[in-house]
Amino acid sequence: MTADETSRTETEWLTLPDIVELTGEPLNRVRNLLDEKQLIGSRRDGVFKVPALFLKDGEPIGSLRGTIFVLHDAGFTDDEAIDWLLSDEESIGIPPIEALRAGRKSEVRRVAQALA
């Protein structure tokens, strides 16, 4: 198993009911967050889940949505975008999601744009 695979498997994953509980938002609002690409998730072990790192203080990370759009523009699927965000990125020095959580949005988006 590579280090990237290890970091992805060690990530905490939230189901939609988990997100409802964490955010205090109704299920319809959580679904809207997904539809609006403020959050993305994928099927893990047969259940749709979102990485817990995509939320901070009970809300989606504000810079995540624009970054998702940049990755989609570069041809990434949701699964590929999630994997990239959670994996170590050599040019950033840490996983991109950690950089977003630390407020390094411009740096992450610059690297994501270069992937196109």
N, C-alpha and C. Protein backbone atom coordinates (compact mmCIF):
# COMPACT_ATOMS: atom_id res chain seq x y z
N MET A 1 0.85 -1.18 0.00
CA MET A 1 0.00 0.00 0.00
C MET A 1 0.89 1.25 0.00
N THR A 2 0.58 2.19 -0.89
CA THR A 2 1.39 3.40 -0.95
C THR A 2 0.99 4.35 0.17
N ALA A 3 1.79 5.37 0.38
CA ALA A 3 1.48 6.37 1.41
C ALA A 3 0.17 7.08 1.07
N ASP A 4 -0.06 7.34 -0.22
CA ASP A 4 -1.31 7.99 -0.63
C ASP A 4 -2.51 7.12 -0.27
N GLU A 5 -2.41 5.81 -0.55
CA GLU A 5 -3.51 4.92 -0.21
C GLU A 5 -3.71 4.86 1.30
N THR A 6 -2.63 4.90 2.04
CA THR A 6 -2.74 4.89 3.50
C THR A 6 -3.47 6.13 3.99
N SER A 7 -3.11 7.30 3.46
CA SER A 7 -3.76 8.53 3.93
C SER A 7 -5.24 8.52 3.59
N ARG A 8 -5.61 7.98 2.43
CA ARG A 8 -7.02 7.92 2.06
C ARG A 8 -7.79 6.94 2.93
N THR A 9 -7.17 5.80 3.25
CA THR A 9 -7.88 4.81 4.05
C THR A 9 -7.99 5.24 5.50
N GLU A 10 -7.08 6.09 5.98
CA GLU A 10 -7.13 6.55 7.36
C GLU A 10 -8.06 7.75 7.54
N THR A 11 -8.55 8.28 6.43
CA THR A 11 -9.46 9.43 6.47
C THR A 11 -10.78 9.01 7.09
N GLU A 12 -11.31 9.87 7.95
CA GLU A 12 -12.64 9.62 8.51
C GLU A 12 -13.67 10.00 7.45
N TRP A 13 -14.64 9.12 7.24
CA TRP A 13 -15.67 9.34 6.24
C TRP A 13 -17.02 9.49 6.94
N LEU A 14 -17.82 10.44 6.45
CA LEU A 14 -19.13 10.74 7.04
C LEU A 14 -20.25 10.35 6.09
N THR A 15 -21.27 9.69 6.62
CA THR A 15 -22.46 9.41 5.84
C THR A 15 -23.35 10.66 5.85
N LEU A 16 -24.37 10.68 5.03
CA LEU A 16 -25.28 11.84 5.03
C LEU A 16 -25.91 12.05 6.41
N PRO A 17 -26.39 11.00 7.09
CA PRO A 17 -26.91 11.22 8.45
C PRO A 17 -25.85 11.79 9.40
N ASP A 18 -24.59 11.39 9.23
CA ASP A 18 -23.51 11.96 10.05
C ASP A 18 -23.39 13.46 9.80
N ILE A 19 -23.48 13.85 8.53
CA ILE A 19 -23.34 15.28 8.17
C ILE A 19 -24.53 16.07 8.71
N VAL A 20 -25.73 15.49 8.63
CA VAL A 20 -26.91 16.14 9.20
C VAL A 20 -26.68 16.42 10.68
N GLU A 21 -26.19 15.41 11.39
CA GLU A 21 -25.94 15.56 12.83
C GLU A 21 -24.84 16.59 13.11
N LEU A 22 -23.76 16.54 12.33
CA LEU A 22 -22.63 17.43 12.54
C LEU A 22 -22.97 18.89 12.24
N THR A 23 -23.71 19.12 11.16
CA THR A 23 -24.01 20.50 10.74
C THR A 23 -25.27 21.06 11.36
N GLY A 24 -26.17 20.17 11.79
CA GLY A 24 -27.46 20.62 12.30
C GLY A 24 -28.42 21.02 11.19
N GLU A 25 -28.02 20.75 9.95
CA GLU A 25 -28.85 21.07 8.79
C GLU A 25 -29.76 19.89 8.45
N PRO A 26 -30.95 20.16 7.88
CA PRO A 26 -31.80 19.06 7.45
C PRO A 26 -31.18 18.33 6.26
N LEU A 27 -31.64 17.10 6.04
CA LEU A 27 -31.10 16.27 4.97
C LEU A 27 -31.20 16.97 3.61
N ASN A 28 -32.31 17.66 3.35
CA ASN A 28 -32.45 18.36 2.07
C ASN A 28 -31.34 19.38 1.87
N ARG A 29 -30.99 20.10 2.92
CA ARG A 29 -29.92 21.10 2.82
C ARG A 29 -28.58 20.43 2.58
N VAL A 30 -28.34 19.29 3.22
CA VAL A 30 -27.09 18.56 3.00
C VAL A 30 -27.02 18.09 1.55
N ARG A 31 -28.13 17.62 1.02
CA ARG A 31 -28.16 17.21 -0.39
C ARG A 31 -27.89 18.40 -1.31
N ASN A 32 -28.42 19.58 -0.94
CA ASN A 32 -28.15 20.79 -1.73
C ASN A 32 -26.67 21.14 -1.70
N LEU A 33 -26.02 20.98 -0.55
CA LEU A 33 -24.59 21.23 -0.47
C LEU A 33 -23.83 20.36 -1.47
N LEU A 34 -24.28 19.13 -1.62
CA LEU A 34 -23.66 18.21 -2.58
C LEU A 34 -24.00 18.63 -4.01
N ASP A 35 -25.25 18.96 -4.26
CA ASP A 35 -25.66 19.39 -5.60
C ASP A 35 -24.93 20.64 -6.04
N GLU A 36 -24.70 21.55 -5.09
CA GLU A 36 -24.02 22.83 -5.38
C GLU A 36 -22.50 22.68 -5.38
N LYS A 37 -22.01 21.48 -5.16
CA LYS A 37 -20.58 21.18 -5.12
C LYS A 37 -19.85 21.89 -3.99
N GLN A 38 -20.58 22.24 -2.92
CA GLN A 38 -19.90 22.75 -1.74
C GLN A 38 -19.25 21.60 -0.98
N LEU A 39 -19.76 20.39 -1.24
CA LEU A 39 -19.18 19.14 -0.75
C LEU A 39 -19.22 18.14 -1.89
N ILE A 40 -18.29 17.20 -1.88
CA ILE A 40 -18.38 16.06 -2.78
C ILE A 40 -18.09 14.81 -1.97
N GLY A 41 -18.59 13.71 -2.47
CA GLY A 41 -18.39 12.43 -1.80
C GLY A 41 -18.38 11.33 -2.82
N SER A 42 -18.28 10.12 -2.33
CA SER A 42 -18.29 8.96 -3.21
C SER A 42 -18.73 7.74 -2.42
N ARG A 43 -19.00 6.70 -3.16
CA ARG A 43 -19.38 5.44 -2.51
C ARG A 43 -18.14 4.77 -1.95
N ARG A 44 -18.16 4.53 -0.67
CA ARG A 44 -17.09 3.80 0.01
C ARG A 44 -17.76 2.68 0.78
N ASP A 45 -17.34 1.47 0.52
CA ASP A 45 -17.97 0.29 1.15
C ASP A 45 -19.47 0.26 0.86
N GLY A 46 -19.85 0.69 -0.36
CA GLY A 46 -21.25 0.62 -0.78
C GLY A 46 -22.14 1.74 -0.26
N VAL A 47 -21.59 2.65 0.54
CA VAL A 47 -22.37 3.73 1.14
C VAL A 47 -21.78 5.06 0.68
N PHE A 48 -22.65 6.03 0.33
CA PHE A 48 -22.17 7.34 -0.07
C PHE A 48 -21.63 8.06 1.16
N LYS A 49 -20.37 8.53 1.05
CA LYS A 49 -19.71 9.18 2.17
C LYS A 49 -18.91 10.39 1.70
N VAL A 50 -18.68 11.30 2.63
CA VAL A 50 -17.91 12.51 2.40
C VAL A 50 -16.75 12.51 3.40
N PRO A 51 -15.54 12.86 2.95
CA PRO A 51 -14.42 12.95 3.91
C PRO A 51 -14.71 14.00 4.98
N ALA A 52 -14.48 13.64 6.22
CA ALA A 52 -14.72 14.56 7.34
C ALA A 52 -13.86 15.82 7.21
N LEU A 53 -12.70 15.70 6.58
CA LEU A 53 -11.81 16.85 6.42
C LEU A 53 -12.42 17.95 5.54
N PHE A 54 -13.46 17.63 4.80
CA PHE A 54 -14.11 18.61 3.92
C PHE A 54 -14.99 19.57 4.72
N LEU A 55 -15.18 19.28 6.02
CA LEU A 55 -15.96 20.17 6.89
C LEU A 55 -15.06 20.69 7.99
N LYS A 56 -15.34 21.92 8.39
CA LYS A 56 -14.58 22.53 9.49
C LYS A 56 -15.58 23.36 10.30
N ASP A 57 -15.58 23.16 11.60
CA ASP A 57 -16.50 23.86 12.49
C ASP A 57 -17.96 23.66 12.07
N GLY A 58 -18.28 22.45 11.63
CA GLY A 58 -19.66 22.11 11.28
C GLY A 58 -20.15 22.65 9.95
N GLU A 59 -19.23 23.13 9.11
CA GLU A 59 -19.60 23.68 7.80
C GLU A 59 -18.60 23.22 6.76
N PRO A 60 -19.04 23.17 5.48
CA PRO A 60 -18.07 22.87 4.42
C PRO A 60 -16.98 23.94 4.40
N ILE A 61 -15.77 23.55 4.09
CA ILE A 61 -14.67 24.50 3.97
C ILE A 61 -15.03 25.45 2.82
N GLY A 62 -14.96 26.73 3.09
CA GLY A 62 -15.40 27.73 2.12
C GLY A 62 -14.67 27.67 0.78
N SER A 63 -13.40 27.35 0.80
CA SER A 63 -12.61 27.34 -0.43
C SER A 63 -12.71 26.02 -1.20
N LEU A 64 -13.45 25.06 -0.65
CA LEU A 64 -13.54 23.75 -1.30
C LEU A 64 -14.31 23.82 -2.61
N ARG A 65 -15.42 24.55 -2.63
CA ARG A 65 -16.28 24.58 -3.81
C ARG A 65 -15.52 25.05 -5.06
N GLY A 66 -14.84 26.17 -4.97
CA GLY A 66 -14.09 26.68 -6.12
C GLY A 66 -12.99 25.72 -6.55
N THR A 67 -12.38 25.08 -5.58
CA THR A 67 -11.32 24.11 -5.89
C THR A 67 -11.91 22.90 -6.61
N ILE A 68 -13.09 22.47 -6.20
CA ILE A 68 -13.77 21.36 -6.88
C ILE A 68 -14.02 21.73 -8.34
N PHE A 69 -14.48 22.96 -8.58
CA PHE A 69 -14.73 23.41 -9.95
C PHE A 69 -13.44 23.41 -10.78
N VAL A 70 -12.34 23.86 -10.18
CA VAL A 70 -11.05 23.85 -10.89
C VAL A 70 -10.68 22.42 -11.26
N LEU A 71 -10.85 21.49 -10.33
CA LEU A 71 -10.51 20.09 -10.59
C LEU A 71 -11.43 19.49 -11.65
N HIS A 72 -12.72 19.81 -11.60
CA HIS A 72 -13.65 19.32 -12.64
C HIS A 72 -13.25 19.89 -14.00
N ASP A 73 -12.87 21.16 -14.04
CA ASP A 73 -12.43 21.77 -15.29
C ASP A 73 -11.18 21.09 -15.83
N ALA A 74 -10.36 20.55 -14.94
CA ALA A 74 -9.15 19.82 -15.33
C ALA A 74 -9.47 18.38 -15.75
N GLY A 75 -10.76 18.00 -15.69
CA GLY A 75 -11.16 16.67 -16.14
C GLY A 75 -11.29 15.63 -15.04
N PHE A 76 -11.19 16.05 -13.80
CA PHE A 76 -11.30 15.11 -12.67
C PHE A 76 -12.75 14.74 -12.41
N THR A 77 -12.99 13.47 -12.09
CA THR A 77 -14.29 13.04 -11.57
C THR A 77 -14.32 13.38 -10.08
N ASP A 78 -15.48 13.24 -9.44
CA ASP A 78 -15.54 13.46 -8.00
C ASP A 78 -14.58 12.54 -7.26
N ASP A 79 -14.54 11.26 -7.64
CA ASP A 79 -13.64 10.31 -6.97
C ASP A 79 -12.18 10.73 -7.13
N GLU A 80 -11.81 11.13 -8.34
CA GLU A 80 -10.43 11.56 -8.58
C GLU A 80 -10.10 12.84 -7.82
N ALA A 81 -11.06 13.76 -7.76
CA ALA A 81 -10.86 15.00 -7.02
C ALA A 81 -10.66 14.71 -5.53
N ILE A 82 -11.48 13.82 -4.99
CA ILE A 82 -11.36 13.45 -3.58
C ILE A 82 -9.98 12.83 -3.32
N ASP A 83 -9.60 11.90 -4.18
CA ASP A 83 -8.30 11.25 -4.00
C ASP A 83 -7.16 12.26 -4.05
N TRP A 84 -7.22 13.22 -4.99
CA TRP A 84 -6.17 14.23 -5.09
C TRP A 84 -6.15 15.12 -3.85
N LEU A 85 -7.32 15.54 -3.41
CA LEU A 85 -7.39 16.42 -2.24
C LEU A 85 -6.84 15.75 -0.98
N LEU A 86 -7.00 14.44 -0.88
CA LEU A 86 -6.58 13.72 0.33
C LEU A 86 -5.15 13.19 0.27
N SER A 87 -4.55 13.18 -0.92
CA SER A 87 -3.21 12.61 -1.09
C SER A 87 -2.14 13.67 -0.93
N ASP A 88 -0.96 13.24 -0.50
CA ASP A 88 0.17 14.17 -0.41
C ASP A 88 0.45 14.75 -1.79
N GLU A 89 0.63 16.05 -1.85
CA GLU A 89 0.96 16.74 -3.10
C GLU A 89 2.35 17.33 -2.91
N GLU A 90 3.30 16.80 -3.67
CA GLU A 90 4.70 17.17 -3.50
C GLU A 90 4.92 18.68 -3.62
N SER A 91 4.26 19.33 -4.57
CA SER A 91 4.50 20.76 -4.79
C SER A 91 3.94 21.63 -3.67
N ILE A 92 3.02 21.08 -2.88
CA ILE A 92 2.45 21.82 -1.75
C ILE A 92 3.11 21.39 -0.44
N GLY A 93 3.52 20.14 -0.40
CA GLY A 93 4.19 19.61 0.80
C GLY A 93 3.26 18.89 1.76
N ILE A 94 1.97 19.02 1.54
CA ILE A 94 0.95 18.36 2.37
C ILE A 94 -0.23 18.04 1.46
N PRO A 95 -1.17 17.23 1.95
CA PRO A 95 -2.38 17.01 1.13
C PRO A 95 -3.09 18.34 0.87
N PRO A 96 -3.60 18.54 -0.35
CA PRO A 96 -4.28 19.80 -0.68
C PRO A 96 -5.41 20.17 0.29
N ILE A 97 -6.14 19.19 0.81
CA ILE A 97 -7.23 19.54 1.73
C ILE A 97 -6.68 20.18 3.00
N GLU A 98 -5.51 19.72 3.45
CA GLU A 98 -4.89 20.32 4.63
C GLU A 98 -4.48 21.76 4.33
N ALA A 99 -3.99 22.00 3.11
CA ALA A 99 -3.61 23.36 2.73
C ALA A 99 -4.86 24.25 2.66
N LEU A 100 -5.96 23.73 2.13
CA LEU A 100 -7.21 24.51 2.10
C LEU A 100 -7.67 24.84 3.52
N ARG A 101 -7.60 23.87 4.40
CA ARG A 101 -8.01 24.08 5.79
C ARG A 101 -7.13 25.14 6.47
N ALA A 102 -5.89 25.29 5.98
CA ALA A 102 -4.96 26.26 6.55
C ALA A 102 -5.04 27.62 5.84
N GLY A 103 -5.97 27.75 4.90
CA GLY A 103 -6.16 29.03 4.22
C GLY A 103 -5.26 29.25 3.02
N ARG A 104 -4.70 28.19 2.47
CA ARG A 104 -3.77 28.31 1.33
C ARG A 104 -4.49 28.04 0.01
N LYS A 105 -5.65 28.64 -0.18
CA LYS A 105 -6.51 28.41 -1.34
C LYS A 105 -5.80 28.70 -2.66
N SER A 106 -5.16 29.84 -2.80
CA SER A 106 -4.53 30.23 -4.06
C SER A 106 -3.48 29.21 -4.50
N GLU A 107 -2.68 28.78 -3.56
CA GLU A 107 -1.63 27.80 -3.86
C GLU A 107 -2.23 26.50 -4.36
N VAL A 108 -3.27 26.01 -3.68
CA VAL A 108 -3.91 24.75 -4.06
C VAL A 108 -4.53 24.88 -5.45
N ARG A 109 -5.21 25.97 -5.70
CA ARG A 109 -5.87 26.15 -7.01
C ARG A 109 -4.84 26.29 -8.13
N ARG A 110 -3.74 26.94 -7.85
CA ARG A 110 -2.69 27.08 -8.86
C ARG A 110 -2.16 25.70 -9.26
N VAL A 111 -1.93 24.84 -8.28
CA VAL A 111 -1.45 23.49 -8.56
C VAL A 111 -2.53 22.69 -9.30
N ALA A 112 -3.78 22.84 -8.86
CA ALA A 112 -4.88 22.11 -9.51
C ALA A 112 -5.03 22.53 -10.97
N GLN A 113 -4.89 23.81 -11.25
CA GLN A 113 -5.01 24.29 -12.64
C GLN A 113 -3.90 23.73 -13.51
N ALA A 114 -2.74 23.54 -12.94
CA ALA A 114 -1.61 23.00 -13.70
C ALA A 114 -1.81 21.54 -14.08
N LEU A 115 -2.76 20.87 -13.45
CA LEU A 115 -3.01 19.46 -13.73
C LEU A 115 -3.80 19.26 -15.03
N ALA A 116 -4.43 20.32 -15.53
CA ALA A 116 -5.28 20.22 -16.73
C ALA A 116 -4.45 19.90 -17.96
